[in-house]
Amino acid sequence: MKYEILYPEAFPVVRFYLKRGEKIKAESDAMIAMSATVDVDGKLEGGILSGLARKFFSGESMFFQELSAKRGDGEVLIGHAQPGGILDLELDGSYGLTVQKDGFLASTDGIEVNTKIQNLTRGLFSGEGFFILNIRGRGTVFVSSYGVIHPINLEDGEEVIIDNGHLVAWPDYMDYKIEKASSGFISSMTSGEGLVCRFRGPGTVLIQTRNPGSFKNWLLSMFPTLAK
């Protein structure tokens, strides 16, 4: 499927060029504009329990948009609410992609989006909750971020420590664990970092250059009435 990411440096959008019969899947309310030959429908993928899990546990919409070029060739523009990047990733079916909440934007046909339960320790301390997204299949996945998406490439055995709020996506075969940012609990709290994620290669971790949680806290400090 032909597509292009427009304005990648700031507030990007994806333009899809659909041939008749082609379709894409996107997060609810992602469509900006579409040709008159394209239809948009709400789809509940994986059944009602899967939809409820996405909505209430992983922060995603219960329904996806399905945009289909049913009456001829057409174009679709999609975007996301946050000021940040969009990155396209190819999956060949040999592994899945783990994505933080709000990170999935769209995909071509052949991609399945499901919730994945983290283990107790990861879910309790990661800040992302017990449920994250697991994306599998063959096709192109589009992930979105708050800020620019930056890849961290790890060789076999190489490790990196990442602030949890900056995670976007990583291959589901990568090993990671949650730990304190500093050796002591008090030092971790006073440093402002608290808990972090330690990833071990091989693999590539995608991070976002801004932290949505930190931005929310800043807004609340400037406008305390928003918290009410």
Protein backbone atom coordinates (compact mmCIF):
# COMPACT_ATOMS: atom_id res chain seq x y z
CA MET A 1 0.00 0.00 0.00
CA LYS A 2 1.31 3.44 -0.91
CA TYR A 3 1.51 6.09 1.81
CA GLU A 4 3.65 8.99 2.97
CA ILE A 5 4.22 10.74 6.29
CA LEU A 6 3.78 14.46 5.78
CA TYR A 7 5.37 17.19 7.94
CA PRO A 8 7.48 14.70 9.94
CA GLU A 9 9.33 17.47 11.77
CA ALA A 10 6.21 18.70 13.62
CA PHE A 11 2.54 17.73 13.82
CA PRO A 12 2.81 14.95 11.20
CA VAL A 13 -0.05 13.28 9.36
CA VAL A 14 -0.12 10.13 7.24
CA ARG A 15 -1.55 10.22 3.72
CA PHE A 16 -2.71 6.85 2.42
CA TYR A 17 -3.30 6.22 -1.28
CA LEU A 18 -5.86 3.43 -1.33
CA LYS A 19 -6.61 1.33 -4.36
CA ARG A 20 -10.19 0.18 -4.74
CA GLY A 21 -10.81 -2.58 -2.19
CA GLU A 22 -7.91 -1.64 0.09
CA LYS A 23 -8.50 -0.69 3.71
CA ILE A 24 -6.65 0.48 6.78
CA LYS A 25 -7.34 0.35 10.51
CA ALA A 26 -6.91 3.39 12.74
CA GLU A 27 -7.57 4.57 16.25
CA SER A 28 -10.98 6.12 16.88
CA ASP A 29 -11.15 9.76 15.68
CA ALA A 30 -7.82 9.50 13.80
CA MET A 31 -9.31 10.35 10.39
CA ILE A 32 -8.72 13.97 9.34
CA ALA A 33 -10.02 13.83 5.76
CA MET A 34 -10.90 11.21 3.16
CA SER A 35 -12.04 10.93 -0.43
CA ALA A 36 -15.73 10.49 -1.15
CA THR A 37 -14.93 6.97 -2.41
CA VAL A 38 -13.82 5.91 1.11
CA ASP A 39 -16.17 4.63 3.81
CA VAL A 40 -15.43 4.72 7.53
CA ASP A 41 -16.90 2.17 9.93
CA GLY A 42 -16.43 1.34 13.59
CA LYS A 43 -15.04 -2.15 14.18
CA LEU A 44 -14.81 -4.12 17.41
CA GLU A 45 -11.73 -6.28 16.91
CA GLY A 46 -11.33 -9.45 18.94
CA GLY A 47 -14.79 -9.40 20.49
CA ILE A 48 -16.35 -7.32 23.22
CA LEU A 49 -14.03 -8.50 25.99
CA SER A 50 -10.97 -7.52 23.98
CA GLY A 51 -12.52 -4.15 23.20
CA LEU A 52 -13.35 -3.50 26.86
CA ALA A 53 -9.81 -4.46 27.87
CA ARG A 54 -8.34 -1.99 25.37
CA LYS A 55 -10.58 0.81 26.62
CA PHE A 56 -10.45 0.37 30.38
CA PHE A 57 -7.05 -1.24 30.93
CA SER A 58 -4.70 -0.04 28.19
CA GLY A 59 -6.16 3.42 27.54
CA GLU A 60 -7.06 2.80 23.89
CA SER A 61 -10.45 3.11 22.21
CA MET A 62 -12.88 0.24 22.39
CA PHE A 63 -13.58 0.52 18.65
CA PHE A 64 -11.21 1.00 15.72
CA GLN A 65 -11.91 2.94 12.56
CA GLU A 66 -11.92 0.86 9.38
CA LEU A 67 -11.41 3.03 6.32
CA SER A 68 -12.19 1.20 3.06
CA ALA A 69 -11.94 2.36 -0.54
CA LYS A 70 -15.14 0.57 -1.55
CA ARG A 71 -16.22 2.67 -4.52
CA GLY A 72 -12.89 3.41 -6.17
CA ASP A 73 -9.38 4.67 -5.48
CA GLY A 74 -9.10 7.29 -2.76
CA GLU A 75 -6.92 9.07 -0.21
CA VAL A 76 -7.10 9.22 3.58
CA LEU A 77 -5.35 11.61 5.97
CA ILE A 78 -4.94 10.49 9.58
CA GLY A 79 -3.28 12.09 12.59
CA HIS A 80 -3.20 11.97 16.38
CA ALA A 81 -4.08 14.35 19.20
CA GLN A 82 -0.65 14.80 20.75
CA PRO A 83 2.04 17.10 19.35
CA GLY A 84 4.59 14.48 18.39
CA GLY A 85 5.98 12.07 15.88
CA ILE A 86 4.60 9.25 13.75
CA LEU A 87 6.77 6.30 12.73
CA ASP A 88 6.00 3.43 10.35
CA LEU A 89 7.17 -0.08 11.28
CA GLU A 90 7.09 -3.22 9.14
CA LEU A 91 6.11 -6.53 10.74
CA ASP A 92 6.83 -9.79 8.92
CA GLY A 93 4.92 -12.06 11.31
CA SER A 94 7.99 -13.51 13.04
CA TYR A 95 7.56 -11.38 16.18
CA GLY A 96 5.15 -8.94 17.76
CA LEU A 97 5.42 -5.34 18.89
CA THR A 98 4.72 -4.18 22.43
CA VAL A 99 3.27 -0.66 22.48
CA GLN A 100 2.54 1.64 25.39
CA LYS A 101 -0.97 2.98 25.88
CA ASP A 102 -1.96 5.67 23.32
CA GLY A 103 0.96 4.59 21.10
CA PHE A 104 -0.97 2.78 18.36
CA LEU A 105 -2.22 5.05 15.58
CA ALA A 106 -3.01 2.91 12.53
CA SER A 107 -2.08 -0.15 10.50
CA THR A 108 -2.55 -1.78 7.14
CA ASP A 109 -4.74 -4.84 6.72
CA GLY A 110 -3.32 -8.03 8.27
CA ILE A 111 -2.36 -6.51 11.63
CA GLU A 112 -4.06 -7.50 14.89
CA VAL A 113 -4.06 -5.32 18.01
CA ASN A 114 -4.65 -7.01 21.36
CA THR A 115 -4.07 -6.29 25.02
CA LYS A 116 -1.26 -8.03 26.85
CA ILE A 117 -1.05 -8.60 30.59
CA GLN A 118 2.24 -7.66 32.21
CA ASN A 119 3.40 -9.65 35.19
CA LEU A 120 2.51 -8.35 38.64
CA THR A 121 5.73 -6.48 39.31
CA ARG A 122 5.86 -4.81 35.90
CA GLY A 123 2.19 -3.85 35.95
CA LEU A 124 2.29 -2.48 39.48
CA PHE A 125 5.41 -0.37 39.14
CA SER A 126 5.77 0.49 35.48
CA GLY A 127 3.23 3.30 35.45
CA GLU A 128 1.63 1.79 32.34
CA GLY A 129 -0.63 -0.53 34.35
CA PHE A 130 -1.11 -4.26 34.01
CA PHE A 131 -2.25 -4.08 30.38
CA ILE A 132 -0.23 -2.92 27.38
CA LEU A 133 -0.79 -3.48 23.67
CA ASN A 134 0.57 -6.41 21.71
CA ILE A 135 0.54 -5.98 17.93
CA ARG A 136 1.13 -8.93 15.61
CA GLY A 137 0.71 -9.92 11.99
CA ARG A 138 2.15 -9.00 8.61
CA GLY A 139 1.94 -5.41 7.44
CA THR A 140 2.77 -1.83 8.42
CA VAL A 141 2.10 -0.37 11.87
CA PHE A 142 2.08 3.35 12.61
CA VAL A 143 2.95 4.40 16.15
CA SER A 144 2.64 7.91 17.56
CA SER A 145 4.38 9.76 20.35
CA TYR A 146 4.53 12.90 22.44
CA GLY A 147 7.64 14.56 21.08
CA VAL A 148 9.99 13.03 18.52
CA ILE A 149 10.43 9.24 18.30
CA HIS A 150 14.04 8.21 18.91
CA PRO A 151 15.34 4.63 18.39
CA ILE A 152 17.80 3.05 20.81
CA ASN A 153 19.53 0.10 19.15
CA LEU A 154 20.94 -2.53 21.50
CA GLU A 155 23.41 -5.26 20.62
CA ASP A 156 23.20 -8.72 22.16
CA GLY A 157 23.70 -8.36 25.91
CA GLU A 158 23.82 -4.57 25.83
CA GLU A 159 21.59 -2.81 28.37
CA VAL A 160 19.93 0.59 28.62
CA ILE A 161 17.86 2.25 31.35
CA ILE A 162 14.85 4.25 30.20
CA ASP A 163 12.42 6.43 32.10
CA ASN A 164 9.09 4.64 31.86
CA GLY A 165 7.17 7.73 30.71
CA HIS A 166 9.33 7.97 27.60
CA LEU A 167 8.61 4.49 26.23
CA VAL A 168 6.74 4.08 22.93
CA ALA A 169 7.30 0.56 21.58
CA TRP A 170 9.69 -2.41 21.50
CA PRO A 171 9.80 -5.96 20.05
CA ASP A 172 7.99 -8.44 22.27
CA TYR A 173 11.01 -10.75 22.38
CA MET A 174 13.09 -8.19 24.31
CA ASP A 175 13.69 -8.72 28.01
CA TYR A 176 13.03 -5.84 30.39
CA LYS A 177 12.48 -5.28 34.08
CA ILE A 178 11.41 -2.47 36.39
CA GLU A 179 13.84 -1.15 38.99
CA LYS A 180 14.64 1.91 41.11
CA ALA A 181 16.53 4.69 39.34
CA SER A 182 19.06 4.85 42.20
CA SER A 183 20.37 2.26 44.61
CA GLY A 184 18.42 3.71 47.52
CA PHE A 185 14.66 4.30 47.65
CA ILE A 186 14.96 7.83 49.04
CA SER A 187 17.59 8.75 46.47
CA SER A 188 15.34 7.45 43.69
CA MET A 189 12.45 9.61 44.90
CA THR A 190 14.48 12.77 45.48
CA SER A 191 16.16 12.48 42.06
CA GLY A 192 12.76 12.85 40.40
CA GLU A 193 13.14 9.58 38.49
CA GLY A 194 11.66 6.96 40.84
CA LEU A 195 11.28 3.75 38.81
CA VAL A 196 12.83 3.04 35.41
CA CYS A 197 12.88 0.22 32.85
CA ARG A 198 16.06 -1.76 32.14
CA PHE A 199 16.11 -3.28 28.64
CA ARG A 200 18.56 -5.91 27.46
CA GLY A 201 19.45 -6.43 23.79
CA PRO A 202 19.35 -7.45 21.11
CA GLY A 203 16.57 -5.23 19.84
CA THR A 204 15.47 -1.65 19.27
CA VAL A 205 13.49 0.35 21.83
CA LEU A 206 11.54 3.35 20.56
CA ILE A 207 11.29 6.24 22.99
CA GLN A 208 9.57 9.64 22.89
CA THR A 209 11.54 12.77 23.69
CA ARG A 210 8.80 14.20 25.92
CA ASN A 211 6.95 12.67 28.86
CA PRO A 212 3.13 13.06 28.78
CA GLY A 213 2.90 12.53 32.55
CA SER A 214 5.41 15.27 33.25
CA PHE A 215 3.56 17.64 30.94
CA LYS A 216 0.30 16.86 32.74
CA ASN A 217 1.93 17.61 36.10
CA TRP A 218 3.28 20.89 34.74
CA LEU A 219 -0.18 21.91 33.52
CA LEU A 220 -1.70 21.11 36.90
CA SER A 221 0.97 23.21 38.65
CA MET A 222 0.18 26.16 36.37
CA PHE A 223 -3.61 25.68 36.44
CA PRO A 224 -4.55 23.96 39.73
CA THR A 225 -8.25 24.20 38.94
CA LEU A 226 -7.78 21.59 36.17
CA ALA A 227 -7.32 18.94 38.84
CA LYS A 228 -10.81 19.49 40.23
